[in-house]
Amino acid sequence: MNASHTQQPRRVLMVGGTGTIGRATVAALVARGHEVVCVVRPRAGARGASMQERPLDVLQGAEVRFADVTDAASLAEHGFRNEHFDAVVSCLASRTGEPRDAWAIDHQAHMGLLAQAKAAGATQMVLLSAICVQRPRLAFQQAKLAFEKALMASGLTYSIVRPTAFFKSLSGQVARVQQGKPYLVFGDGTLTACKPISDADLAAYLADCLEDPGLQDRILPIGGPGPAITPLEQGQFLFELLGREPRFKQVPVALISGIAAVLAALGKVIPRLAVKAELARIGHYYATESMLVLDPETHRYDADATPETGQDTLFDYYRQLVDGSETVERGEHAVF
């Protein structure tokens, strides 16, 4: 679907619009003629840079309002302002994934947003979730699932979009390899696979959800163009692209689980280490779980069953990073 197929423009309240996916989504909605009001933290952007201290070029075409989405009074007064909205789109997510942050943002802030959306007359919500909630073992996954359940029971028309891996999450080692360092893989580099999706392709899909009845009242796993690729294949492509002999360094998965166990034990005495233990568990999860559709019968990840959209590929993005036409803005997505 593209702008020429857009139905009657909607008035949309957007949260999470300052991240790379959020910005792309705002641009996609504006391009299709929707009236977008983007609620932004007073301090948002890279490393907490104040959005109020620089031009809001990244959100061109949208009305920007500053409010704290975790504060119901702030969201009501400065975000919704007792105005009518047709729909709400959320690309909002916790930054760290640690329990307190996850429940505050992925669940509680969204619950407040949902309540105020209904009061504002909204009849539809598009939620950016994550494909990893299929096998929930972490606090942020439980928090996301809890809100997904509330949204499905809310009476609003909903689209719960669960994307696979993002380009920015898989680009942390480009500079490393350019510097002549080995490419790090967990195990032998074939433990996991994904169908990465670009910000632009995901944004177009989120915008489609507002307009396409076939994408509504559904949970929607989605990836970019296949085939599914492993970390080993990502590294091999990088070395080939740079014309260098492949050099890999294998990181034992047991090392991460061991670190998590030690930190969890120490966390019972030193609370801040309990947070680090959760972060280690998150690292272990992504080192061992594929970002693909999970077959409920076989309990195995199925690349063929993972839907695809768009045309951008991770390897094209790697080429752009290497030739300098793109830069990586990873923020909280850094792993290495």
C-alpha atoms as a PDB file:
ATOM      1  CA  MET A   1       0.000   0.000   0.000  1.00  0.00           C
ATOM      2  CA  ASN A   2       1.222   3.522  -0.698  1.00  0.00           C
ATOM      3  CA  ALA A   3       0.063   7.093  -0.365  1.00  0.00           C
ATOM      4  CA  SER A   4      -2.170   6.850  -3.408  1.00  0.00           C
ATOM      5  CA  HIS A   5      -4.264   4.184  -1.677  1.00  0.00           C
ATOM      6  CA  THR A   6      -4.676   6.094   1.574  1.00  0.00           C
ATOM      7  CA  GLN A   7      -8.203   6.153   2.966  1.00  0.00           C
ATOM      8  CA  GLN A   8      -9.609   9.307   4.545  1.00  0.00           C
ATOM      9  CA  PRO A   9      -6.811  10.983   6.557  1.00  0.00           C
ATOM     10  CA  ARG A  10      -6.926  10.246  10.257  1.00  0.00           C
ATOM     11  CA  ARG A  11      -5.905  12.302  13.279  1.00  0.00           C
ATOM     12  CA  VAL A  12      -3.200  10.222  14.921  1.00  0.00           C
ATOM     13  CA  LEU A  13      -1.450  10.593  18.255  1.00  0.00           C
ATOM     14  CA  MET A  14       2.032   9.087  18.084  1.00  0.00           C
ATOM     15  CA  VAL A  15       4.335   8.091  20.948  1.00  0.00           C
ATOM     16  CA  GLY A  16       7.880   6.803  20.608  1.00  0.00           C
ATOM     17  CA  GLY A  17       8.422   9.015  17.592  1.00  0.00           C
ATOM     18  CA  THR A  18      12.001  10.090  18.283  1.00  0.00           C
ATOM     19  CA  GLY A  19      13.672   6.704  17.820  1.00  0.00           C
ATOM     20  CA  THR A  20      14.801   5.685  14.344  1.00  0.00           C
ATOM     21  CA  ILE A  21      11.745   3.501  13.751  1.00  0.00           C
ATOM     22  CA  GLY A  22       9.444   6.114  15.263  1.00  0.00           C
ATOM     23  CA  ARG A  23      10.824   8.873  13.054  1.00  0.00           C
ATOM     24  CA  ALA A  24      10.391   6.711   9.968  1.00  0.00           C
ATOM     25  CA  THR A  25       6.822   5.935  11.044  1.00  0.00           C
ATOM     26  CA  VAL A  26       5.979   9.606  11.548  1.00  0.00           C
ATOM     27  CA  ALA A  27       7.333  10.320   8.060  1.00  0.00           C
ATOM     28  CA  ALA A  28       5.275   7.471   6.567  1.00  0.00           C
ATOM     29  CA  LEU A  29       2.072   8.647   8.249  1.00  0.00           C
ATOM     30  CA  VAL A  30       2.609  12.264   7.209  1.00  0.00           C
ATOM     31  CA  ALA A  31       3.376  11.201   3.624  1.00  0.00           C
ATOM     32  CA  ARG A  32       0.011   9.428   3.486  1.00  0.00           C
ATOM     33  CA  GLY A  33      -1.841  12.542   4.521  1.00  0.00           C
ATOM     34  CA  HIS A  34      -2.566  11.738   8.166  1.00  0.00           C
ATOM     35  CA  GLU A  35      -2.571  14.515  10.748  1.00  0.00           C
ATOM     36  CA  VAL A  36       0.088  13.433  13.225  1.00  0.00           C
ATOM     37  CA  VAL A  37       0.552  14.756  16.750  1.00  0.00           C
ATOM     38  CA  CYS A  38       3.805  13.426  18.160  1.00  0.00           C
ATOM     39  CA  VAL A  39       4.168  13.339  21.951  1.00  0.00           C
ATOM     40  CA  VAL A  40       7.839  13.668  22.877  1.00  0.00           C
ATOM     41  CA  ARG A  41       9.711  13.653  26.161  1.00  0.00           C
ATOM     42  CA  PRO A  42      11.157  17.081  27.049  1.00  0.00           C
ATOM     43  CA  ARG A  43      14.521  15.301  26.932  1.00  0.00           C
ATOM     44  CA  ALA A  44      14.546  12.866  24.031  1.00  0.00           C
ATOM     45  CA  GLY A  45      16.941  11.848  21.328  1.00  0.00           C
ATOM     46  CA  ALA A  46      20.480  10.542  21.340  1.00  0.00           C
ATOM     47  CA  ARG A  47      21.895  10.365  24.877  1.00  0.00           C
ATOM     48  CA  GLY A  48      19.048  12.434  26.268  1.00  0.00           C
ATOM     49  CA  ALA A  49      19.745  15.505  24.139  1.00  0.00           C
ATOM     50  CA  SER A  50      16.942  17.995  24.620  1.00  0.00           C
ATOM     51  CA  MET A  51      14.505  18.039  21.699  1.00  0.00           C
ATOM     52  CA  GLN A  52      13.549  21.552  22.786  1.00  0.00           C
ATOM     53  CA  GLU A  53      17.085  22.802  22.194  1.00  0.00           C
ATOM     54  CA  ARG A  54      17.291  21.974  18.485  1.00  0.00           C
ATOM     55  CA  PRO A  55      15.026  22.128  15.430  1.00  0.00           C
ATOM     56  CA  LEU A  56      12.628  19.221  15.171  1.00  0.00           C
ATOM     57  CA  ASP A  57      13.599  18.457  11.592  1.00  0.00           C
ATOM     58  CA  VAL A  58      13.349  14.722  12.250  1.00  0.00           C
ATOM     59  CA  LEU A  59       9.601  15.065  12.848  1.00  0.00           C
ATOM     60  CA  GLN A  60       8.773  17.349   9.950  1.00  0.00           C
ATOM     61  CA  GLY A  61       5.104  17.501   9.101  1.00  0.00           C
ATOM     62  CA  ALA A  62       3.971  16.462  12.578  1.00  0.00           C
ATOM     63  CA  GLU A  63       2.825  18.650  15.443  1.00  0.00           C
ATOM     64  CA  VAL A  64       5.208  18.055  18.352  1.00  0.00           C
ATOM     65  CA  ARG A  65       4.002  18.235  21.945  1.00  0.00           C
ATOM     66  CA  PHE A  66       6.212  17.752  24.983  1.00  0.00           C
ATOM     67  CA  ALA A  67       4.856  15.496  27.731  1.00  0.00           C
ATOM     68  CA  ASP A  68       5.877  12.677  30.056  1.00  0.00           C
ATOM     69  CA  VAL A  69       4.064   9.544  28.880  1.00  0.00           C
ATOM     70  CA  THR A  70       4.643   7.919  32.278  1.00  0.00           C
ATOM     71  CA  ASP A  71       2.729  10.723  34.020  1.00  0.00           C
ATOM     72  CA  ALA A  72      -1.034  10.589  33.379  1.00  0.00           C
ATOM     73  CA  ALA A  73      -1.546  14.257  34.221  1.00  0.00           C
ATOM     74  CA  SER A  74       1.279  15.376  31.934  1.00  0.00           C
ATOM     75  CA  LEU A  75       0.048  13.187  29.076  1.00  0.00           C
ATOM     76  CA  ALA A  76      -3.487  14.507  29.450  1.00  0.00           C
ATOM     77  CA  GLU A  77      -2.587  18.184  29.796  1.00  0.00           C
ATOM     78  CA  HIS A  78       0.236  18.451  27.286  1.00  0.00           C
ATOM     79  CA  GLY A  79      -0.399  15.468  25.018  1.00  0.00           C
ATOM     80  CA  PHE A  80      -4.096  14.828  24.439  1.00  0.00           C
ATOM     81  CA  ARG A  81      -5.270  18.303  25.577  1.00  0.00           C
ATOM     82  CA  ASN A  82      -8.917  17.187  25.689  1.00  0.00           C
ATOM     83  CA  GLU A  83      -8.876  16.878  21.888  1.00  0.00           C
ATOM     84  CA  HIS A  84     -10.289  14.187  19.636  1.00  0.00           C
ATOM     85  CA  PHE A  85      -8.036  11.588  18.019  1.00  0.00           C
ATOM     86  CA  ASP A  86      -8.998   8.824  15.621  1.00  0.00           C
ATOM     87  CA  ALA A  87      -6.091   6.513  16.364  1.00  0.00           C
ATOM     88  CA  VAL A  88      -2.946   6.024  18.421  1.00  0.00           C
ATOM     89  CA  VAL A  89       0.338   4.599  17.141  1.00  0.00           C
ATOM     90  CA  SER A  90       3.030   3.516  19.599  1.00  0.00           C
ATOM     91  CA  CYS A  91       6.681   2.823  18.837  1.00  0.00           C
ATOM     92  CA  LEU A  92       7.465   3.346  22.522  1.00  0.00           C
ATOM     93  CA  ALA A  93       9.635   0.756  24.305  1.00  0.00           C
ATOM     94  CA  SER A  94      11.741   0.534  27.434  1.00  0.00           C
ATOM     95  CA  ARG A  95      15.347   1.507  26.852  1.00  0.00           C
ATOM     96  CA  THR A  96      17.113  -1.170  28.865  1.00  0.00           C
ATOM     97  CA  GLY A  97      14.646  -4.021  29.269  1.00  0.00           C
ATOM     98  CA  GLU A  98      15.418  -4.279  32.972  1.00  0.00           C
ATOM     99  CA  PRO A  99      12.317  -5.071  35.083  1.00  0.00           C
ATOM    100  CA  ARG A 100      11.525  -1.666  36.589  1.00  0.00           C
ATOM    101  CA  ASP A 101      11.971   0.129  33.267  1.00  0.00           C
ATOM    102  CA  ALA A 102      10.059  -2.544  31.344  1.00  0.00           C
ATOM    103  CA  TRP A 103       6.982  -2.521  33.561  1.00  0.00           C
ATOM    104  CA  ALA A 104       6.983   1.281  33.741  1.00  0.00           C
ATOM    105  CA  ILE A 105       7.152   1.792  29.964  1.00  0.00           C
ATOM    106  CA  ASP A 106       6.122  -1.384  28.139  1.00  0.00           C
ATOM    107  CA  HIS A 107       3.134  -1.918  30.393  1.00  0.00           C
ATOM    108  CA  GLN A 108       2.123   0.910  32.718  1.00  0.00           C
ATOM    109  CA  ALA A 109       2.758   3.847  30.387  1.00  0.00           C
ATOM    110  CA  HIS A 110       0.884   2.021  27.642  1.00  0.00           C
ATOM    111  CA  MET A 111      -2.027   1.288  29.960  1.00  0.00           C
ATOM    112  CA  GLY A 112      -2.325   5.000  30.683  1.00  0.00           C
ATOM    113  CA  LEU A 113      -2.018   5.790  26.997  1.00  0.00           C
ATOM    114  CA  LEU A 114      -4.772   3.302  26.165  1.00  0.00           C
ATOM    115  CA  ALA A 115      -7.154   4.768  28.744  1.00  0.00           C
ATOM    116  CA  GLN A 116      -6.632   8.317  27.501  1.00  0.00           C
ATOM    117  CA  ALA A 117      -6.877   7.218  23.863  1.00  0.00           C
ATOM    118  CA  LYS A 118     -10.329   5.768  24.505  1.00  0.00           C
ATOM    119  CA  ALA A 119     -11.385   8.908  26.357  1.00  0.00           C
ATOM    120  CA  ALA A 120     -10.215  10.974  23.360  1.00  0.00           C
ATOM    121  CA  GLY A 121     -12.490   8.992  21.066  1.00  0.00           C
ATOM    122  CA  ALA A 122      -9.797   6.887  19.404  1.00  0.00           C
ATOM    123  CA  THR A 123     -11.129   3.675  17.896  1.00  0.00           C
ATOM    124  CA  GLN A 124      -7.842   2.151  16.764  1.00  0.00           C
ATOM    125  CA  MET A 125      -4.329   1.480  18.079  1.00  0.00           C
ATOM    126  CA  VAL A 126      -1.246   0.243  16.283  1.00  0.00           C
ATOM    127  CA  LEU A 127       1.361  -1.165  18.663  1.00  0.00           C
ATOM    128  CA  LEU A 128       4.980  -1.927  17.865  1.00  0.00           C
ATOM    129  CA  SER A 129       5.803  -4.978  19.987  1.00  0.00           C
ATOM    130  CA  ALA A 130       8.543  -7.599  19.460  1.00  0.00           C
ATOM    131  CA  ILE A 131       8.701 -11.100  18.028  1.00  0.00           C
ATOM    132  CA  CYS A 132      10.681 -12.361  21.030  1.00  0.00           C
ATOM    133  CA  VAL A 133       7.544 -12.349  23.212  1.00  0.00           C
ATOM    134  CA  GLN A 134       6.649 -15.705  21.642  1.00  0.00           C
ATOM    135  CA  ARG A 135       8.963 -17.420  24.132  1.00  0.00           C
ATOM    136  CA  PRO A 136       8.814 -15.101  27.152  1.00  0.00           C
ATOM    137  CA  ARG A 137      11.583 -15.550  29.687  1.00  0.00           C
ATOM    138  CA  LEU A 138      12.429 -11.945  30.490  1.00  0.00           C
ATOM    139  CA  ALA A 139      10.726  -9.111  32.355  1.00  0.00           C
ATOM    140  CA  PHE A 140      10.277  -6.867  29.314  1.00  0.00           C
ATOM    141  CA  GLN A 141       8.642  -9.699  27.389  1.00  0.00           C
ATOM    142  CA  GLN A 142       6.156 -10.304  30.198  1.00  0.00           C
ATOM    143  CA  ALA A 143       5.422  -6.580  30.367  1.00  0.00           C
ATOM    144  CA  LYS A 144       4.797  -6.378  26.618  1.00  0.00           C
ATOM    145  CA  LEU A 145       2.535  -9.433  26.691  1.00  0.00           C
ATOM    146  CA  ALA A 146       0.537  -8.020  29.585  1.00  0.00           C
ATOM    147  CA  PHE A 147      -0.221  -4.890  27.595  1.00  0.00           C
ATOM    148  CA  GLU A 148      -0.905  -6.823  24.393  1.00  0.00           C
ATOM    149  CA  LYS A 149      -3.580  -8.741  26.324  1.00  0.00           C
ATOM    150  CA  ALA A 150      -5.104  -5.511  27.654  1.00  0.00           C
ATOM    151  CA  LEU A 151      -5.151  -3.958  24.182  1.00  0.00           C
ATOM    152  CA  MET A 152      -6.882  -6.985  22.656  1.00  0.00           C
ATOM    153  CA  ALA A 153      -9.556  -6.782  25.359  1.00  0.00           C
ATOM    154  CA  SER A 154      -9.976  -3.008  25.101  1.00  0.00           C
ATOM    155  CA  GLY A 155     -12.605  -2.891  22.388  1.00  0.00           C
ATOM    156  CA  LEU A 156     -10.362  -0.839  20.111  1.00  0.00           C
ATOM    157  CA  THR A 157      -9.417  -2.060  16.665  1.00  0.00           C
ATOM    158  CA  TYR A 158      -5.824  -3.161  17.140  1.00  0.00           C
ATOM    159  CA  SER A 159      -2.748  -4.208  15.218  1.00  0.00           C
ATOM    160  CA  ILE A 160       0.035  -5.750  17.299  1.00  0.00           C
ATOM    161  CA  VAL A 161       3.144  -5.744  15.140  1.00  0.00           C
ATOM    162  CA  ARG A 162       5.969  -8.077  16.172  1.00  0.00           C
ATOM    163  CA  PRO A 163       9.006  -7.348  13.992  1.00  0.00           C
ATOM    164  CA  THR A 164      12.122  -9.461  13.717  1.00  0.00           C
ATOM    165  CA  ALA A 165      15.626  -8.024  14.103  1.00  0.00           C
ATOM    166  CA  PHE A 166      16.369  -4.409  13.154  1.00  0.00           C
ATOM    167  CA  PHE A 167      19.258  -3.347  10.924  1.00  0.00           C
ATOM    168  CA  LYS A 168      20.691  -1.124  13.654  1.00  0.00           C
ATOM    169  CA  SER A 169      20.779  -4.037  16.095  1.00  0.00           C
ATOM    170  CA  LEU A 170      22.856  -6.094  13.671  1.00  0.00           C
ATOM    171  CA  SER A 171      25.323  -3.429  12.593  1.00  0.00           C
ATOM    172  CA  GLY A 172      27.442  -2.997  15.685  1.00  0.00           C
ATOM    173  CA  GLN A 173      30.355  -4.976  14.310  1.00  0.00           C
ATOM    174  CA  VAL A 174      30.746  -3.234  10.965  1.00  0.00           C
ATOM    175  CA  ALA A 175      33.202  -0.709  12.391  1.00  0.00           C
ATOM    176  CA  ARG A 176      34.918  -3.479  14.358  1.00  0.00           C
ATOM    177  CA  VAL A 177      35.604  -5.514  11.227  1.00  0.00           C
ATOM    178  CA  GLN A 178      36.700  -2.375   9.360  1.00  0.00           C
ATOM    179  CA  GLN A 179      39.287  -1.879  12.091  1.00  0.00           C
ATOM    180  CA  GLY A 180      40.718  -5.326  11.394  1.00  0.00           C
ATOM    181  CA  LYS A 181      39.210  -7.029  14.434  1.00  0.00           C
ATOM    182  CA  PRO A 182      37.539 -10.456  14.358  1.00  0.00           C
ATOM    183  CA  TYR A 183      33.780 -10.809  14.084  1.00  0.00           C
ATOM    184  CA  LEU A 184      32.290 -12.070  17.339  1.00  0.00           C
ATOM    185  CA  VAL A 185      29.764 -14.899  17.250  1.00  0.00           C
ATOM    186  CA  PHE A 186      28.071 -16.896  19.972  1.00  0.00           C
ATOM    187  CA  GLY A 187      28.807 -20.586  19.626  1.00  0.00           C
ATOM    188  CA  ASP A 188      29.549 -21.371  16.003  1.00  0.00           C
ATOM    189  CA  GLY A 189      27.478 -18.477  14.692  1.00  0.00           C
ATOM    190  CA  THR A 190      24.593 -20.638  13.479  1.00  0.00           C
ATOM    191  CA  LEU A 191      22.589 -20.913  16.698  1.00  0.00           C
ATOM    192  CA  THR A 192      20.123 -18.251  15.588  1.00  0.00           C
ATOM    193  CA  ALA A 193      18.689 -16.684  12.449  1.00  0.00           C
ATOM    194  CA  CYS A 194      16.447 -13.746  11.567  1.00  0.00           C
ATOM    195  CA  LYS A 195      14.872 -11.838   8.708  1.00  0.00           C
ATOM    196  CA  PRO A 196      16.043  -8.288   9.436  1.00  0.00           C
ATOM    197  CA  ILE A 197      13.717  -5.417   8.608  1.00  0.00           C
ATOM    198  CA  SER A 198      14.628  -1.809   7.831  1.00  0.00           C
ATOM    199  CA  ASP A 199      13.147   1.187   9.607  1.00  0.00           C
ATOM    200  CA  ALA A 200      11.521   2.392   6.392  1.00  0.00           C
ATOM    201  CA  ASP A 201       9.928  -0.961   5.524  1.00  0.00           C
ATOM    202  CA  LEU A 202       8.650  -1.418   9.073  1.00  0.00           C
ATOM    203  CA  ALA A 203       7.294   2.137   9.120  1.00  0.00           C
ATOM    204  CA  ALA A 204       5.373   1.510   5.903  1.00  0.00           C
ATOM    205  CA  TYR A 205       3.930  -1.670   7.401  1.00  0.00           C
ATOM    206  CA  LEU A 206       2.849   0.160  10.570  1.00  0.00           C
ATOM    207  CA  ALA A 207       1.167   2.812   8.431  1.00  0.00           C
ATOM    208  CA  ASP A 208      -0.558   0.070   6.436  1.00  0.00           C
ATOM    209  CA  CYS A 209      -2.082  -1.184   9.689  1.00  0.00           C
ATOM    210  CA  LEU A 210      -4.098   2.028   9.984  1.00  0.00           C
ATOM    211  CA  GLU A 211      -5.562   1.528   6.533  1.00  0.00           C
ATOM    212  CA  ASP A 212      -5.743  -2.190   5.709  1.00  0.00           C
ATOM    213  CA  PRO A 213      -8.553  -4.173   7.410  1.00  0.00           C
ATOM    214  CA  GLY A 214      -6.585  -7.354   6.726  1.00  0.00           C
ATOM    215  CA  LEU A 215      -3.938  -6.154   9.183  1.00  0.00           C
ATOM    216  CA  GLN A 216      -6.396  -5.253  11.952  1.00  0.00           C
ATOM    217  CA  ASP A 217      -7.452  -7.139  15.069  1.00  0.00           C
ATOM    218  CA  ARG A 218      -4.431  -9.365  14.546  1.00  0.00           C
ATOM    219  CA  ILE A 219      -1.030 -10.163  15.991  1.00  0.00           C
ATOM    220  CA  LEU A 220       1.384  -9.624  13.118  1.00  0.00           C
ATOM    221  CA  PRO A 221       4.874 -11.136  13.109  1.00  0.00           C
ATOM    222  CA  ILE A 222       6.848  -9.505  10.308  1.00  0.00           C
ATOM    223  CA  GLY A 223      10.325  -9.614   8.825  1.00  0.00           C
ATOM    224  CA  GLY A 224      12.133  -8.034   5.932  1.00  0.00           C
ATOM    225  CA  PRO A 225      12.949  -9.793   2.653  1.00  0.00           C
ATOM    226  CA  GLY A 226      14.353 -13.294   3.140  1.00  0.00           C
ATOM    227  CA  PRO A 227      16.082 -15.573   3.326  1.00  0.00           C
ATOM    228  CA  ALA A 228      16.740 -15.830   7.049  1.00  0.00           C
ATOM    229  CA  ILE A 229      20.395 -15.180   7.869  1.00  0.00           C
ATOM    230  CA  THR A 230      22.632 -16.305  10.722  1.00  0.00           C
ATOM    231  CA  PRO A 231      25.296 -14.263  12.520  1.00  0.00           C
ATOM    232  CA  LEU A 232      27.928 -16.361  10.753  1.00  0.00           C
ATOM    233  CA  GLU A 233      26.501 -15.355   7.377  1.00  0.00           C
ATOM    234  CA  GLN A 234      26.406 -11.705   8.446  1.00  0.00           C
ATOM    235  CA  GLY A 235      30.086 -11.850   9.329  1.00  0.00           C
ATOM    236  CA  GLN A 236      31.039 -13.711   6.157  1.00  0.00           C
ATOM    237  CA  PHE A 237      29.310 -11.077   4.037  1.00  0.00           C
ATOM    238  CA  LEU A 238      31.131  -8.263   5.835  1.00  0.00           C
ATOM    239  CA  PHE A 239      34.545  -9.810   5.261  1.00  0.00           C
ATOM    240  CA  GLU A 240      33.730 -10.432   1.613  1.00  0.00           C
ATOM    241  CA  LEU A 241      32.452  -6.869   1.221  1.00  0.00           C
ATOM    242  CA  LEU A 242      35.681  -5.499   2.683  1.00  0.00           C
ATOM    243  CA  GLY A 243      37.840  -7.918   0.711  1.00  0.00           C
ATOM    244  CA  ARG A 244      39.341  -9.434   3.850  1.00  0.00           C
ATOM    245  CA  GLU A 245      40.059 -12.930   5.037  1.00  0.00           C
ATOM    246  CA  PRO A 246      37.295 -14.047   7.451  1.00  0.00           C
ATOM    247  CA  ARG A 247      38.288 -13.920  11.121  1.00  0.00           C
ATOM    248  CA  PHE A 248      35.785 -15.057  13.728  1.00  0.00           C
ATOM    249  CA  LYS A 249      36.018 -15.220  17.489  1.00  0.00           C
ATOM    250  CA  GLN A 250      33.627 -17.630  19.145  1.00  0.00           C
ATOM    251  CA  VAL A 251      32.070 -16.603  22.459  1.00  0.00           C
ATOM    252  CA  PRO A 252      30.776 -19.571  24.496  1.00  0.00           C
ATOM    253  CA  VAL A 253      27.096 -19.195  25.322  1.00  0.00           C
ATOM    254  CA  ALA A 254      27.788 -20.789  28.702  1.00  0.00           C
ATOM    255  CA  LEU A 255      29.966 -17.791  29.533  1.00  0.00           C
ATOM    256  CA  ILE A 256      26.968 -15.450  29.385  1.00  0.00           C
ATOM    257  CA  SER A 257      24.716 -17.740  31.411  1.00  0.00           C
ATOM    258  CA  GLY A 258      27.488 -18.130  33.967  1.00  0.00           C
ATOM    259  CA  ILE A 259      27.879 -14.379  34.302  1.00  0.00           C
ATOM    260  CA  ALA A 260      24.115 -13.992  34.685  1.00  0.00           C
ATOM    261  CA  ALA A 261      24.029 -16.627  37.438  1.00  0.00           C
ATOM    262  CA  VAL A 262      26.866 -15.001  39.378  1.00  0.00           C
ATOM    263  CA  LEU A 263      25.342 -11.531  39.072  1.00  0.00           C
ATOM    264  CA  ALA A 264      21.928 -12.859  40.137  1.00  0.00           C
ATOM    265  CA  ALA A 265      23.442 -14.380  43.265  1.00  0.00           C
ATOM    266  CA  LEU A 266      25.318 -11.184  44.114  1.00  0.00           C
ATOM    267  CA  GLY A 267      22.221  -9.172  43.290  1.00  0.00           C
ATOM    268  CA  LYS A 268      20.500 -10.552  46.361  1.00  0.00           C
ATOM    269  CA  VAL A 269      22.976  -8.503  48.383  1.00  0.00           C
ATOM    270  CA  ILE A 270      23.770  -5.682  45.945  1.00  0.00           C
ATOM    271  CA  PRO A 271      20.560  -4.617  44.129  1.00  0.00           C
ATOM    272  CA  ARG A 272      22.290  -2.899  41.207  1.00  0.00           C
ATOM    273  CA  LEU A 273      23.909  -6.213  40.289  1.00  0.00           C
ATOM    274  CA  ALA A 274      20.467  -7.784  39.974  1.00  0.00           C
ATOM    275  CA  VAL A 275      19.797  -5.326  37.143  1.00  0.00           C
ATOM    276  CA  LYS A 276      23.052  -6.325  35.473  1.00  0.00           C
ATOM    277  CA  ALA A 277      22.024  -9.961  35.840  1.00  0.00           C
ATOM    278  CA  GLU A 278      18.834  -9.257  33.899  1.00  0.00           C
ATOM    279  CA  LEU A 279      20.847  -7.553  31.172  1.00  0.00           C
ATOM    280  CA  ALA A 280      23.083 -10.633  30.982  1.00  0.00           C
ATOM    281  CA  ARG A 281      19.987 -12.815  30.680  1.00  0.00           C
ATOM    282  CA  ILE A 282      18.791 -10.606  27.836  1.00  0.00           C
ATOM    283  CA  GLY A 283      22.140 -11.081  26.116  1.00  0.00           C
ATOM    284  CA  HIS A 284      21.914 -14.840  26.565  1.00  0.00           C
ATOM    285  CA  TYR A 285      18.391 -14.855  25.149  1.00  0.00           C
ATOM    286  CA  TYR A 286      19.388 -13.093  21.958  1.00  0.00           C
ATOM    287  CA  ALA A 287      22.435 -15.329  21.643  1.00  0.00           C
ATOM    288  CA  THR A 288      20.316 -18.473  21.673  1.00  0.00           C
ATOM    289  CA  GLU A 289      16.864 -17.596  20.307  1.00  0.00           C
ATOM    290  CA  SER A 290      16.037 -16.903  16.661  1.00  0.00           C
ATOM    291  CA  MET A 291      13.930 -13.893  15.756  1.00  0.00           C
ATOM    292  CA  LEU A 292      11.515 -15.892  13.599  1.00  0.00           C
ATOM    293  CA  VAL A 293       7.988 -17.258  13.964  1.00  0.00           C
ATOM    294  CA  LEU A 294       7.832 -19.999  16.584  1.00  0.00           C
ATOM    295  CA  ASP A 295       5.866 -23.076  15.509  1.00  0.00           C
ATOM    296  CA  PRO A 296       3.435 -23.769  18.383  1.00  0.00           C
ATOM    297  CA  GLU A 297       3.393 -27.498  17.648  1.00  0.00           C
ATOM    298  CA  THR A 298       7.069 -28.270  17.085  1.00  0.00           C
ATOM    299  CA  HIS A 299       8.345 -25.401  19.306  1.00  0.00           C
ATOM    300  CA  ARG A 300      10.910 -24.676  16.639  1.00  0.00           C
ATOM    301  CA  TYR A 301      11.547 -21.458  14.773  1.00  0.00           C
ATOM    302  CA  ASP A 302      10.247 -21.491  11.218  1.00  0.00           C
ATOM    303  CA  ALA A 303      11.801 -19.168   8.660  1.00  0.00           C
ATOM    304  CA  ASP A 304       9.292 -20.147   5.978  1.00  0.00           C
ATOM    305  CA  ALA A 305       6.379 -19.238   8.265  1.00  0.00           C
ATOM    306  CA  THR A 306       7.850 -15.818   9.046  1.00  0.00           C
ATOM    307  CA  PRO A 307       6.062 -13.209   6.874  1.00  0.00           C
ATOM    308  CA  GLU A 308       8.109 -10.746   4.853  1.00  0.00           C
ATOM    309  CA  THR A 309       7.585  -7.167   3.729  1.00  0.00           C
ATOM    310  CA  GLY A 310       9.505  -4.436   1.951  1.00  0.00           C
ATOM    311  CA  GLN A 311      12.588  -4.559  -0.215  1.00  0.00           C
ATOM    312  CA  ASP A 312      15.504  -3.322   1.912  1.00  0.00           C
ATOM    313  CA  THR A 313      18.069  -5.969   2.888  1.00  0.00           C
ATOM    314  CA  LEU A 314      20.617  -5.978   5.693  1.00  0.00           C
ATOM    315  CA  PHE A 315      23.412  -6.627   3.224  1.00  0.00           C
ATOM    316  CA  ASP A 316      22.422  -3.569   1.180  1.00  0.00           C
ATOM    317  CA  TYR A 317      22.557  -1.605   4.420  1.00  0.00           C
ATOM    318  CA  TYR A 318      26.042  -2.986   5.153  1.00  0.00           C
ATOM    319  CA  ARG A 319      27.149  -1.767   1.727  1.00  0.00           C
ATOM    320  CA  GLN A 320      25.823   1.698   2.534  1.00  0.00           C
ATOM    321  CA  LEU A 321      27.610   1.740   5.882  1.00  0.00           C
ATOM    322  CA  VAL A 322      30.877   0.768   4.242  1.00  0.00           C
ATOM    323  CA  ASP A 323      30.605   3.356   1.449  1.00  0.00           C
ATOM    324  CA  GLY A 324      29.590   6.035   3.958  1.00  0.00           C
ATOM    325  CA  SER A 325      26.147   6.790   2.555  1.00  0.00           C
ATOM    326  CA  GLU A 326      24.589   5.576   5.840  1.00  0.00           C
ATOM    327  CA  THR A 327      25.648   5.827   9.453  1.00  0.00           C
ATOM    328  CA  VAL A 328      24.641   3.647  12.392  1.00  0.00           C
ATOM    329  CA  GLU A 329      22.494   5.249  15.082  1.00  0.00           C
ATOM    330  CA  ARG A 330      22.134   2.378  17.495  1.00  0.00           C
ATOM    331  CA  GLY A 331      21.463   4.039  20.851  1.00  0.00           C
ATOM    332  CA  GLU A 332      20.302   1.398  23.310  1.00  0.00           C
ATOM    333  CA  HIS A 333      20.701  -1.349  20.722  1.00  0.00           C
ATOM    334  CA  ALA A 334      24.429  -1.733  21.216  1.00  0.00           C
ATOM    335  CA  VAL A 335      25.520  -5.278  22.008  1.00  0.00           C
ATOM    336  CA  PHE A 336      29.228  -5.300  21.126  1.00  0.00           C
END
